[in-house]
Amino acid sequence: GADAICDIEEWKDVEENFKLATFIAATRPGISLLTAQDKIESLERKYNANIINVYVPSLDISSTYIRDQLKKGNSVRYLIPESVERYIMEKNLYGVGDE
């Protein structure tokens, strides 16, 4: 996430990491796009880093919200992977599903 990119210089072997990999910085709630872009440009100059900035629309969805929707019998389609929803139902997690 873009929040991790802002703190990446605190990582171990940061210079070597930039040599080994291309990083993708996805936007996250609470991180200014301008701040993240400024930091990315700074890192690219300083370390010759290859960082791809990806805009991801933020959705204010928490695990609590998902559990509440399940308990109410509402659909969580598109909020969690189908395999996760199937597992919740099979294991009767959060009081929903097969018993």
PDB file of N, CA and C in Angstrom:
ATOM      1  N   GLY A   1       0.811  -1.186   0.000  1.00  0.00           N
ATOM      2  CA  GLY A   1       0.000   0.000   0.000  1.00  0.00           C
ATOM      3  C   GLY A   1       0.860   1.258   0.000  1.00  0.00           C
ATOM      4  N   ALA A   2       0.254   2.351  -0.360  1.00  0.00           N
ATOM      5  CA  ALA A   2       0.962   3.632  -0.385  1.00  0.00           C
ATOM      6  C   ALA A   2       1.468   3.998   1.001  1.00  0.00           C
ATOM      7  N   ASP A   3       0.777   3.538   2.038  1.00  0.00           N
ATOM      8  CA  ASP A   3       1.235   3.817   3.399  1.00  0.00           C
ATOM      9  C   ASP A   3       2.572   3.133   3.669  1.00  0.00           C
ATOM     10  N   ALA A   4       2.759   1.928   3.159  1.00  0.00           N
ATOM     11  CA  ALA A   4       4.025   1.209   3.346  1.00  0.00           C
ATOM     12  C   ALA A   4       5.150   1.878   2.564  1.00  0.00           C
ATOM     13  N   ILE A   5       4.843   2.388   1.382  1.00  0.00           N
ATOM     14  CA  ILE A   5       5.865   3.076   0.590  1.00  0.00           C
ATOM     15  C   ILE A   5       6.381   4.302   1.336  1.00  0.00           C
ATOM     16  N   CYS A   6       5.499   4.978   2.044  1.00  0.00           N
ATOM     17  CA  CYS A   6       5.911   6.169   2.799  1.00  0.00           C
ATOM     18  C   CYS A   6       6.895   5.817   3.907  1.00  0.00           C
ATOM     19  N   ASP A   7       6.879   4.572   4.380  1.00  0.00           N
ATOM     20  CA  ASP A   7       7.770   4.134   5.465  1.00  0.00           C
ATOM     21  C   ASP A   7       8.839   3.155   4.992  1.00  0.00           C
ATOM     22  N   ILE A   8       8.976   2.959   3.710  1.00  0.00           N
ATOM     23  CA  ILE A   8       9.829   1.888   3.194  1.00  0.00           C
ATOM     24  C   ILE A   8      11.314   2.086   3.512  1.00  0.00           C
ATOM     25  N   GLU A   9      11.728   3.303   3.726  1.00  0.00           N
ATOM     26  CA  GLU A   9      13.143   3.519   4.020  1.00  0.00           C
ATOM     27  C   GLU A   9      13.536   2.974   5.388  1.00  0.00           C
ATOM     28  N   GLU A  10      12.559   2.611   6.193  1.00  0.00           N
ATOM     29  CA  GLU A  10      12.828   1.994   7.491  1.00  0.00           C
ATOM     30  C   GLU A  10      13.020   0.481   7.361  1.00  0.00           C
ATOM     31  N   TRP A  11      12.720  -0.075   6.206  1.00  0.00           N
ATOM     32  CA  TRP A  11      12.866  -1.515   5.976  1.00  0.00           C
ATOM     33  C   TRP A  11      14.338  -1.899   5.935  1.00  0.00           C
ATOM     34  N   LYS A  12      14.597  -3.138   6.246  1.00  0.00           N
ATOM     35  CA  LYS A  12      15.948  -3.681   6.143  1.00  0.00           C
ATOM     36  C   LYS A  12      16.325  -3.792   4.664  1.00  0.00           C
ATOM     37  N   ASP A  13      17.548  -3.440   4.334  1.00  0.00           N
ATOM     38  CA  ASP A  13      18.090  -3.585   2.982  1.00  0.00           C
ATOM     39  C   ASP A  13      17.238  -2.905   1.916  1.00  0.00           C
ATOM     40  N   VAL A  14      16.758  -1.702   2.217  1.00  0.00           N
ATOM     41  CA  VAL A  14      15.848  -1.024   1.300  1.00  0.00           C
ATOM     42  C   VAL A  14      16.470  -0.825  -0.081  1.00  0.00           C
ATOM     43  N   GLU A  15      17.727  -0.451  -0.136  1.00  0.00           N
ATOM     44  CA  GLU A  15      18.365  -0.221  -1.433  1.00  0.00           C
ATOM     45  C   GLU A  15      18.422  -1.518  -2.253  1.00  0.00           C
ATOM     46  N   GLU A  16      18.771  -2.614  -1.607  1.00  0.00           N
ATOM     47  CA  GLU A  16      18.825  -3.910  -2.278  1.00  0.00           C
ATOM     48  C   GLU A  16      17.428  -4.340  -2.734  1.00  0.00           C
ATOM     49  N   ASN A  17      16.419  -4.085  -1.914  1.00  0.00           N
ATOM     50  CA  ASN A  17      15.042  -4.431  -2.284  1.00  0.00           C
ATOM     51  C   ASN A  17      14.621  -3.723  -3.569  1.00  0.00           C
ATOM     52  N   PHE A  18      14.993  -2.449  -3.686  1.00  0.00           N
ATOM     53  CA  PHE A  18      14.650  -1.715  -4.895  1.00  0.00           C
ATOM     54  C   PHE A  18      15.382  -2.259  -6.115  1.00  0.00           C
ATOM     55  N   LYS A  19      16.566  -2.802  -5.923  1.00  0.00           N
ATOM     56  CA  LYS A  19      17.298  -3.402  -7.043  1.00  0.00           C
ATOM     57  C   LYS A  19      16.659  -4.715  -7.487  1.00  0.00           C
ATOM     58  N   LEU A  20      16.059  -5.428  -6.536  1.00  0.00           N
ATOM     59  CA  LEU A  20      15.516  -6.760  -6.814  1.00  0.00           C
ATOM     60  C   LEU A  20      14.088  -6.769  -7.344  1.00  0.00           C
ATOM     61  N   ALA A  21      13.339  -5.725  -7.062  1.00  0.00           N
ATOM     62  CA  ALA A  21      11.912  -5.808  -7.360  1.00  0.00           C
ATOM     63  C   ALA A  21      11.321  -4.479  -7.809  1.00  0.00           C
ATOM     64  N   THR A  22      10.239  -4.609  -8.528  1.00  0.00           N
ATOM     65  CA  THR A  22       9.385  -3.469  -8.830  1.00  0.00           C
ATOM     66  C   THR A  22       8.315  -3.438  -7.755  1.00  0.00           C
ATOM     67  N   PHE A  23       8.090  -2.290  -7.169  1.00  0.00           N
ATOM     68  CA  PHE A  23       7.082  -2.156  -6.121  1.00  0.00           C
ATOM     69  C   PHE A  23       5.818  -1.544  -6.697  1.00  0.00           C
ATOM     70  N   ILE A  24       4.700  -1.959  -6.153  1.00  0.00           N
ATOM     71  CA  ILE A  24       3.407  -1.391  -6.524  1.00  0.00           C
ATOM     72  C   ILE A  24       2.833  -0.743  -5.279  1.00  0.00           C
ATOM     73  N   ALA A  25       2.523   0.532  -5.389  1.00  0.00           N
ATOM     74  CA  ALA A  25       1.957   1.279  -4.269  1.00  0.00           C
ATOM     75  C   ALA A  25       0.487   1.547  -4.553  1.00  0.00           C
ATOM     76  N   ALA A  26      -0.384   0.829  -3.863  1.00  0.00           N
ATOM     77  CA  ALA A  26      -1.826   1.011  -4.037  1.00  0.00           C
ATOM     78  C   ALA A  26      -2.324   2.038  -3.036  1.00  0.00           C
ATOM     79  N   THR A  27      -3.200   2.889  -3.497  1.00  0.00           N
ATOM     80  CA  THR A  27      -3.759   3.906  -2.607  1.00  0.00           C
ATOM     81  C   THR A  27      -4.528   3.243  -1.474  1.00  0.00           C
ATOM     82  N   ARG A  28      -4.500   3.887  -0.337  1.00  0.00           N
ATOM     83  CA  ARG A  28      -5.219   3.397   0.838  1.00  0.00           C
ATOM     84  C   ARG A  28      -5.891   4.582   1.526  1.00  0.00           C
ATOM     85  N   PRO A  29      -6.999   4.319   2.201  1.00  0.00           N
ATOM     86  CA  PRO A  29      -7.647   5.400   2.947  1.00  0.00           C
ATOM     87  C   PRO A  29      -6.688   5.962   3.991  1.00  0.00           C
ATOM     88  N   GLY A  30      -6.717   7.277   4.154  1.00  0.00           N
ATOM     89  CA  GLY A  30      -5.896   7.923   5.171  1.00  0.00           C
ATOM     90  C   GLY A  30      -4.538   8.373   4.676  1.00  0.00           C
ATOM     91  N   ILE A  31      -4.177   8.012   3.462  1.00  0.00           N
ATOM     92  CA  ILE A  31      -2.904   8.443   2.894  1.00  0.00           C
ATOM     93  C   ILE A  31      -3.208   9.380   1.729  1.00  0.00           C
ATOM     94  N   SER A  32      -2.683  10.581   1.809  1.00  0.00           N
ATOM     95  CA  SER A  32      -2.888  11.566   0.761  1.00  0.00           C
ATOM     96  C   SER A  32      -2.229  11.092  -0.533  1.00  0.00           C
ATOM     97  N   LEU A  33      -2.966  11.168  -1.626  1.00  0.00           N
ATOM     98  CA  LEU A  33      -2.413  10.782  -2.922  1.00  0.00           C
ATOM     99  C   LEU A  33      -1.209  11.648  -3.279  1.00  0.00           C
ATOM    100  N   LEU A  34      -1.293  12.928  -2.952  1.00  0.00           N
ATOM    101  CA  LEU A  34      -0.197  13.846  -3.237  1.00  0.00           C
ATOM    102  C   LEU A  34       1.044  13.493  -2.420  1.00  0.00           C
ATOM    103  N   THR A  35       0.848  13.191  -1.138  1.00  0.00           N
ATOM    104  CA  THR A  35       1.964  12.793  -0.272  1.00  0.00           C
ATOM    105  C   THR A  35       2.611  11.519  -0.788  1.00  0.00           C
ATOM    106  N   ALA A  36       1.800  10.540  -1.135  1.00  0.00           N
ATOM    107  CA  ALA A  36       2.322   9.272  -1.640  1.00  0.00           C
ATOM    108  C   ALA A  36       3.079   9.489  -2.945  1.00  0.00           C
ATOM    109  N   GLN A  37       2.525  10.286  -3.853  1.00  0.00           N
ATOM    110  CA  GLN A  37       3.186  10.528  -5.136  1.00  0.00           C
ATOM    111  C   GLN A  37       4.508  11.255  -4.936  1.00  0.00           C
ATOM    112  N   ASP A  38       4.549  12.233  -4.039  1.00  0.00           N
ATOM    113  CA  ASP A  38       5.802  12.941  -3.737  1.00  0.00           C
ATOM    114  C   ASP A  38       6.851  11.973  -3.204  1.00  0.00           C
ATOM    115  N   LYS A  39       6.445  11.080  -2.311  1.00  0.00           N
ATOM    116  CA  LYS A  39       7.371  10.107  -1.724  1.00  0.00           C
ATOM    117  C   LYS A  39       7.876   9.134  -2.798  1.00  0.00           C
ATOM    118  N   ILE A  40       6.985   8.676  -3.650  1.00  0.00           N
ATOM    119  CA  ILE A  40       7.362   7.752  -4.717  1.00  0.00           C
ATOM    120  C   ILE A  40       8.394   8.407  -5.636  1.00  0.00           C
ATOM    121  N   GLU A  41       8.144   9.634  -6.028  1.00  0.00           N
ATOM    122  CA  GLU A  41       9.087  10.342  -6.898  1.00  0.00           C
ATOM    123  C   GLU A  41      10.441  10.517  -6.220  1.00  0.00           C
ATOM    124  N   SER A  42      10.420  10.804  -4.921  1.00  0.00           N
ATOM    125  CA  SER A  42      11.660  10.947  -4.156  1.00  0.00           C
ATOM    126  C   SER A  42      12.438   9.636  -4.120  1.00  0.00           C
ATOM    127  N   LEU A  43      11.746   8.524  -3.867  1.00  0.00           N
ATOM    128  CA  LEU A  43      12.389   7.208  -3.815  1.00  0.00           C
ATOM    129  C   LEU A  43      12.934   6.806  -5.180  1.00  0.00           C
ATOM    130  N   GLU A  44      12.196   7.119  -6.216  1.00  0.00           N
ATOM    131  CA  GLU A  44      12.657   6.787  -7.563  1.00  0.00           C
ATOM    132  C   GLU A  44      13.961   7.514  -7.888  1.00  0.00           C
ATOM    133  N   ARG A  45      14.036   8.783  -7.490  1.00  0.00           N
ATOM    134  CA  ARG A  45      15.265   9.553  -7.723  1.00  0.00           C
ATOM    135  C   ARG A  45      16.411   9.046  -6.862  1.00  0.00           C
ATOM    136  N   LYS A  46      16.148   8.849  -5.583  1.00  0.00           N
ATOM    137  CA  LYS A  46      17.196   8.492  -4.621  1.00  0.00           C
ATOM    138  C   LYS A  46      17.764   7.100  -4.855  1.00  0.00           C
ATOM    139  N   TYR A  47      16.900   6.126  -5.137  1.00  0.00           N
ATOM    140  CA  TYR A  47      17.319   4.725  -5.247  1.00  0.00           C
ATOM    141  C   TYR A  47      17.241   4.168  -6.669  1.00  0.00           C
ATOM    142  N   ASN A  48      16.864   5.015  -7.619  1.00  0.00           N
ATOM    143  CA  ASN A  48      16.600   4.535  -8.973  1.00  0.00           C
ATOM    144  C   ASN A  48      15.566   3.403  -8.913  1.00  0.00           C
ATOM    145  N   ALA A  49      14.584   3.581  -8.041  1.00  0.00           N
ATOM    146  CA  ALA A  49      13.561   2.571  -7.787  1.00  0.00           C
ATOM    147  C   ALA A  49      12.518   2.569  -8.892  1.00  0.00           C
ATOM    148  N   ASN A  50      11.932   1.414  -9.101  1.00  0.00           N
ATOM    149  CA  ASN A  50      10.825   1.269 -10.035  1.00  0.00           C
ATOM    150  C   ASN A  50       9.569   1.029  -9.200  1.00  0.00           C
ATOM    151  N   ILE A  51       8.740   2.051  -9.093  1.00  0.00           N
ATOM    152  CA  ILE A  51       7.526   1.978  -8.268  1.00  0.00           C
ATOM    153  C   ILE A  51       6.334   2.358  -9.134  1.00  0.00           C
ATOM    154  N   ILE A  52       5.359   1.488  -9.155  1.00  0.00           N
ATOM    155  CA  ILE A  52       4.128   1.734  -9.903  1.00  0.00           C
ATOM    156  C   ILE A  52       3.071   2.188  -8.914  1.00  0.00           C
ATOM    157  N   ASN A  53       2.483   3.335  -9.173  1.00  0.00           N
ATOM    158  CA  ASN A  53       1.439   3.877  -8.316  1.00  0.00           C
ATOM    159  C   ASN A  53       0.088   3.486  -8.899  1.00  0.00           C
ATOM    160  N   VAL A  54      -0.720   2.788  -8.109  1.00  0.00           N
ATOM    161  CA  VAL A  54      -2.011   2.293  -8.577  1.00  0.00           C
ATOM    162  C   VAL A  54      -3.126   2.912  -7.737  1.00  0.00           C
ATOM    163  N   TYR A  55      -4.078   3.505  -8.423  1.00  0.00           N
ATOM    164  CA  TYR A  55      -5.236   4.054  -7.722  1.00  0.00           C
ATOM    165  C   TYR A  55      -6.263   2.947  -7.534  1.00  0.00           C
ATOM    166  N   VAL A  56      -6.651   2.727  -6.287  1.00  0.00           N
ATOM    167  CA  VAL A  56      -7.676   1.745  -5.955  1.00  0.00           C
ATOM    168  C   VAL A  56      -8.792   2.491  -5.236  1.00  0.00           C
ATOM    169  N   PRO A  57      -9.986   2.486  -5.799  1.00  0.00           N
ATOM    170  CA  PRO A  57     -11.087   3.179  -5.118  1.00  0.00           C
ATOM    171  C   PRO A  57     -11.264   2.607  -3.716  1.00  0.00           C
ATOM    172  N   SER A  58     -11.369   3.477  -2.752  1.00  0.00           N
ATOM    173  CA  SER A  58     -11.484   2.988  -1.378  1.00  0.00           C
ATOM    174  C   SER A  58     -12.939   2.692  -1.034  1.00  0.00           C
ATOM    175  N   LEU A  59     -13.099   1.597  -0.346  1.00  0.00           N
ATOM    176  CA  LEU A  59     -14.400   1.202   0.155  1.00  0.00           C
ATOM    177  C   LEU A  59     -14.292   1.102   1.663  1.00  0.00           C
ATOM    178  N   ASP A  60     -15.194   1.731   2.339  1.00  0.00           N
ATOM    179  CA  ASP A  60     -15.163   1.713   3.796  1.00  0.00           C
ATOM    180  C   ASP A  60     -15.879   0.454   4.284  1.00  0.00           C
ATOM    181  N   ILE A  61     -15.196  -0.670   4.149  1.00  0.00           N
ATOM    182  CA  ILE A  61     -15.771  -1.958   4.521  1.00  0.00           C
ATOM    183  C   ILE A  61     -14.843  -2.608   5.535  1.00  0.00           C
ATOM    184  N   SER A  62     -15.396  -2.958   6.658  1.00  0.00           N
ATOM    185  CA  SER A  62     -14.603  -3.609   7.703  1.00  0.00           C
ATOM    186  C   SER A  62     -15.086  -5.040   7.889  1.00  0.00           C
ATOM    187  N   SER A  63     -14.273  -5.818   8.582  1.00  0.00           N
ATOM    188  CA  SER A  63     -14.690  -7.188   8.891  1.00  0.00           C
ATOM    189  C   SER A  63     -15.940  -7.178   9.771  1.00  0.00           C
ATOM    190  N   THR A  64     -16.052  -6.188  10.633  1.00  0.00           N
ATOM    191  CA  THR A  64     -17.250  -6.065  11.482  1.00  0.00           C
ATOM    192  C   THR A  64     -18.486  -5.860  10.612  1.00  0.00           C
ATOM    193  N   TYR A  65     -18.368  -5.014   9.604  1.00  0.00           N
ATOM    194  CA  TYR A  65     -19.484  -4.768   8.694  1.00  0.00           C
ATOM    195  C   TYR A  65     -19.893  -6.065   7.992  1.00  0.00           C
ATOM    196  N   ILE A  66     -18.912  -6.808   7.515  1.00  0.00           N
ATOM    197  CA  ILE A  66     -19.193  -8.064   6.814  1.00  0.00           C
ATOM    198  C   ILE A  66     -19.878  -9.062   7.746  1.00  0.00           C
ATOM    199  N   ARG A  67     -19.371  -9.198   8.963  1.00  0.00           N
ATOM    200  CA  ARG A  67     -20.005 -10.119   9.927  1.00  0.00           C
ATOM    201  C   ARG A  67     -21.436  -9.690  10.219  1.00  0.00           C
ATOM    202  N   ASP A  68     -21.655  -8.394  10.390  1.00  0.00           N
ATOM    203  CA  ASP A  68     -23.006  -7.892  10.656  1.00  0.00           C
ATOM    204  C   ASP A  68     -23.943  -8.201   9.493  1.00  0.00           C
ATOM    205  N   GLN A  69     -23.455  -8.032   8.268  1.00  0.00           N
ATOM    206  CA  GLN A  69     -24.288  -8.337   7.098  1.00  0.00           C
ATOM    207  C   GLN A  69     -24.646  -9.817   7.057  1.00  0.00           C
ATOM    208  N   LEU A  70     -23.688 -10.666   7.355  1.00  0.00           N
ATOM    209  CA  LEU A  70     -23.944 -12.106   7.378  1.00  0.00           C
ATOM    210  C   LEU A  70     -24.971 -12.465   8.438  1.00  0.00           C
ATOM    211  N   LYS A  71     -24.828 -11.896   9.635  1.00  0.00           N
ATOM    212  CA  LYS A  71     -25.762 -12.187  10.727  1.00  0.00           C
ATOM    213  C   LYS A  71     -27.174 -11.745  10.388  1.00  0.00           C
ATOM    214  N   LYS A  72     -27.305 -10.664   9.597  1.00  0.00           N
ATOM    215  CA  LYS A  72     -28.611 -10.151   9.195  1.00  0.00           C
ATOM    216  C   LYS A  72     -29.179 -10.913   8.002  1.00  0.00           C
ATOM    217  N   GLY A  73     -28.378 -11.817   7.452  1.00  0.00           N
ATOM    218  CA  GLY A  73     -28.834 -12.579   6.289  1.00  0.00           C
ATOM    219  C   GLY A  73     -28.674 -11.834   4.981  1.00  0.00           C
ATOM    220  N   ASN A  74     -27.932 -10.736   4.989  1.00  0.00           N
ATOM    221  CA  ASN A  74     -27.716  -9.957   3.770  1.00  0.00           C
ATOM    222  C   ASN A  74     -26.559 -10.537   2.959  1.00  0.00           C
ATOM    223  N   SER A  75     -26.576 -10.268   1.679  1.00  0.00           N
ATOM    224  CA  SER A  75     -25.537 -10.751   0.786  1.00  0.00           C
ATOM    225  C   SER A  75     -24.212 -10.021   1.044  1.00  0.00           C
ATOM    226  N   VAL A  76     -23.122 -10.765   0.948  1.00  0.00           N
ATOM    227  CA  VAL A  76     -21.787 -10.170   1.027  1.00  0.00           C
ATOM    228  C   VAL A  76     -21.047 -10.408  -0.294  1.00  0.00           C
ATOM    229  N   ARG A  77     -21.821 -10.697  -1.326  1.00  0.00           N
ATOM    230  CA  ARG A  77     -21.254 -10.915  -2.648  1.00  0.00           C
ATOM    231  C   ARG A  77     -20.459  -9.676  -3.069  1.00  0.00           C
ATOM    232  N   TYR A  78     -19.318  -9.895  -3.617  1.00  0.00           N
ATOM    233  CA  TYR A  78     -18.372  -8.867  -4.061  1.00  0.00           C
ATOM    234  C   TYR A  78     -17.611  -8.205  -2.908  1.00  0.00           C
ATOM    235  N   LEU A  79     -17.969  -8.513  -1.684  1.00  0.00           N
ATOM    236  CA  LEU A  79     -17.246  -7.964  -0.536  1.00  0.00           C
ATOM    237  C   LEU A  79     -16.138  -8.904  -0.074  1.00  0.00           C
ATOM    238  N   ILE A  80     -16.356 -10.199  -0.277  1.00  0.00           N
ATOM    239  CA  ILE A  80     -15.358 -11.212   0.073  1.00  0.00           C
ATOM    240  C   ILE A  80     -15.315 -12.240  -1.055  1.00  0.00           C
ATOM    241  N   PRO A  81     -14.213 -12.955  -1.204  1.00  0.00           N
ATOM    242  CA  PRO A  81     -14.162 -13.994  -2.240  1.00  0.00           C
ATOM    243  C   PRO A  81     -15.215 -15.072  -1.994  1.00  0.00           C
ATOM    244  N   GLU A  82     -15.696 -15.653  -3.078  1.00  0.00           N
ATOM    245  CA  GLU A  82     -16.711 -16.710  -2.963  1.00  0.00           C
ATOM    246  C   GLU A  82     -16.228 -17.865  -2.103  1.00  0.00           C
ATOM    247  N   SER A  83     -14.944 -18.203  -2.220  1.00  0.00           N
ATOM    248  CA  SER A  83     -14.409 -19.319  -1.430  1.00  0.00           C
ATOM    249  C   SER A  83     -14.469 -19.006   0.068  1.00  0.00           C
ATOM    250  N   VAL A  84     -14.286 -17.762   0.434  1.00  0.00           N
ATOM    251  CA  VAL A  84     -14.361 -17.365   1.845  1.00  0.00           C
ATOM    252  C   VAL A  84     -15.807 -17.441   2.326  1.00  0.00           C
ATOM    253  N   GLU A  85     -16.717 -16.956   1.509  1.00  0.00           N
ATOM    254  CA  GLU A  85     -18.132 -17.026   1.876  1.00  0.00           C
ATOM    255  C   GLU A  85     -18.568 -18.483   2.026  1.00  0.00           C
ATOM    256  N   ARG A  86     -18.131 -19.337   1.116  1.00  0.00           N
ATOM    257  CA  ARG A  86     -18.472 -20.765   1.179  1.00  0.00           C
ATOM    258  C   ARG A  86     -17.929 -21.381   2.474  1.00  0.00           C
ATOM    259  N   TYR A  87     -16.694 -21.037   2.829  1.00  0.00           N
ATOM    260  CA  TYR A  87     -16.071 -21.557   4.057  1.00  0.00           C
ATOM    261  C   TYR A  87     -16.858 -21.103   5.290  1.00  0.00           C
ATOM    262  N   ILE A  88     -17.264 -19.850   5.317  1.00  0.00           N
ATOM    263  CA  ILE A  88     -18.054 -19.319   6.442  1.00  0.00           C
ATOM    264  C   ILE A  88     -19.347 -20.110   6.588  1.00  0.00           C
ATOM    265  N   MET A  89     -19.999 -20.363   5.453  1.00  0.00           N
ATOM    266  CA  MET A  89     -21.262 -21.098   5.486  1.00  0.00           C
ATOM    267  C   MET A  89     -21.053 -22.557   5.911  1.00  0.00           C
ATOM    268  N   GLU A  90     -20.024 -23.201   5.362  1.00  0.00           N
ATOM    269  CA  GLU A  90     -19.748 -24.601   5.695  1.00  0.00           C
ATOM    270  C   GLU A  90     -19.410 -24.795   7.163  1.00  0.00           C
ATOM    271  N   LYS A  91     -18.683 -23.845   7.732  1.00  0.00           N
ATOM    272  CA  LYS A  91     -18.233 -23.953   9.125  1.00  0.00           C
ATOM    273  C   LYS A  91     -19.189 -23.289  10.109  1.00  0.00           C
ATOM    274  N   ASN A  92     -20.296 -22.737   9.574  1.00  0.00           N
ATOM    275  CA  ASN A  92     -21.297 -22.076  10.409  1.00  0.00           C
ATOM    276  C   ASN A  92     -20.665 -20.972  11.273  1.00  0.00           C
ATOM    277  N   LEU A  93     -19.778 -20.219  10.660  1.00  0.00           N
ATOM    278  CA  LEU A  93     -19.126 -19.119  11.383  1.00  0.00           C
ATOM    279  C   LEU A  93     -20.086 -17.948  11.543  1.00  0.00           C
ATOM    280  N   TYR A  94     -19.950 -17.238  12.608  1.00  0.00           N
ATOM    281  CA  TYR A  94     -20.765 -16.045  12.904  1.00  0.00           C
ATOM    282  C   TYR A  94     -22.257 -16.372  12.985  1.00  0.00           C
ATOM    283  N   GLY A  95     -22.559 -17.648  13.228  1.00  0.00           N
ATOM    284  CA  GLY A  95     -23.960 -18.035  13.396  1.00  0.00           C
ATOM    285  C   GLY A  95     -24.729 -18.122  12.094  1.00  0.00           C
ATOM    286  N   VAL A  96     -24.039 -18.214  10.976  1.00  0.00           N
ATOM    287  CA  VAL A  96     -24.721 -18.340   9.683  1.00  0.00           C
ATOM    288  C   VAL A  96     -24.212 -19.561   8.947  1.00  0.00           C
ATOM    289  N   GLY A  97     -25.051 -20.108   8.092  1.00  0.00           N
ATOM    290  CA  GLY A  97     -24.598 -21.211   7.245  1.00  0.00           C
ATOM    291  C   GLY A  97     -25.234 -22.521   7.598  1.00  0.00           C
ATOM    292  N   ASP A  98     -24.582 -23.563   7.061  1.00  0.00           N
ATOM    293  CA  ASP A  98     -25.080 -24.920   7.265  1.00  0.00           C
ATOM    294  C   ASP A  98     -24.802 -25.356   8.693  1.00  0.00           C
ATOM    295  N   GLU A  99     -25.747 -26.037   9.256  1.00  0.00           N
ATOM    296  CA  GLU A  99     -25.537 -26.541  10.627  1.00  0.00           C
ATOM    297  C   GLU A  99     -25.417 -28.027  10.609  1.00  0.00           C
TER     298      GLU A  99
END
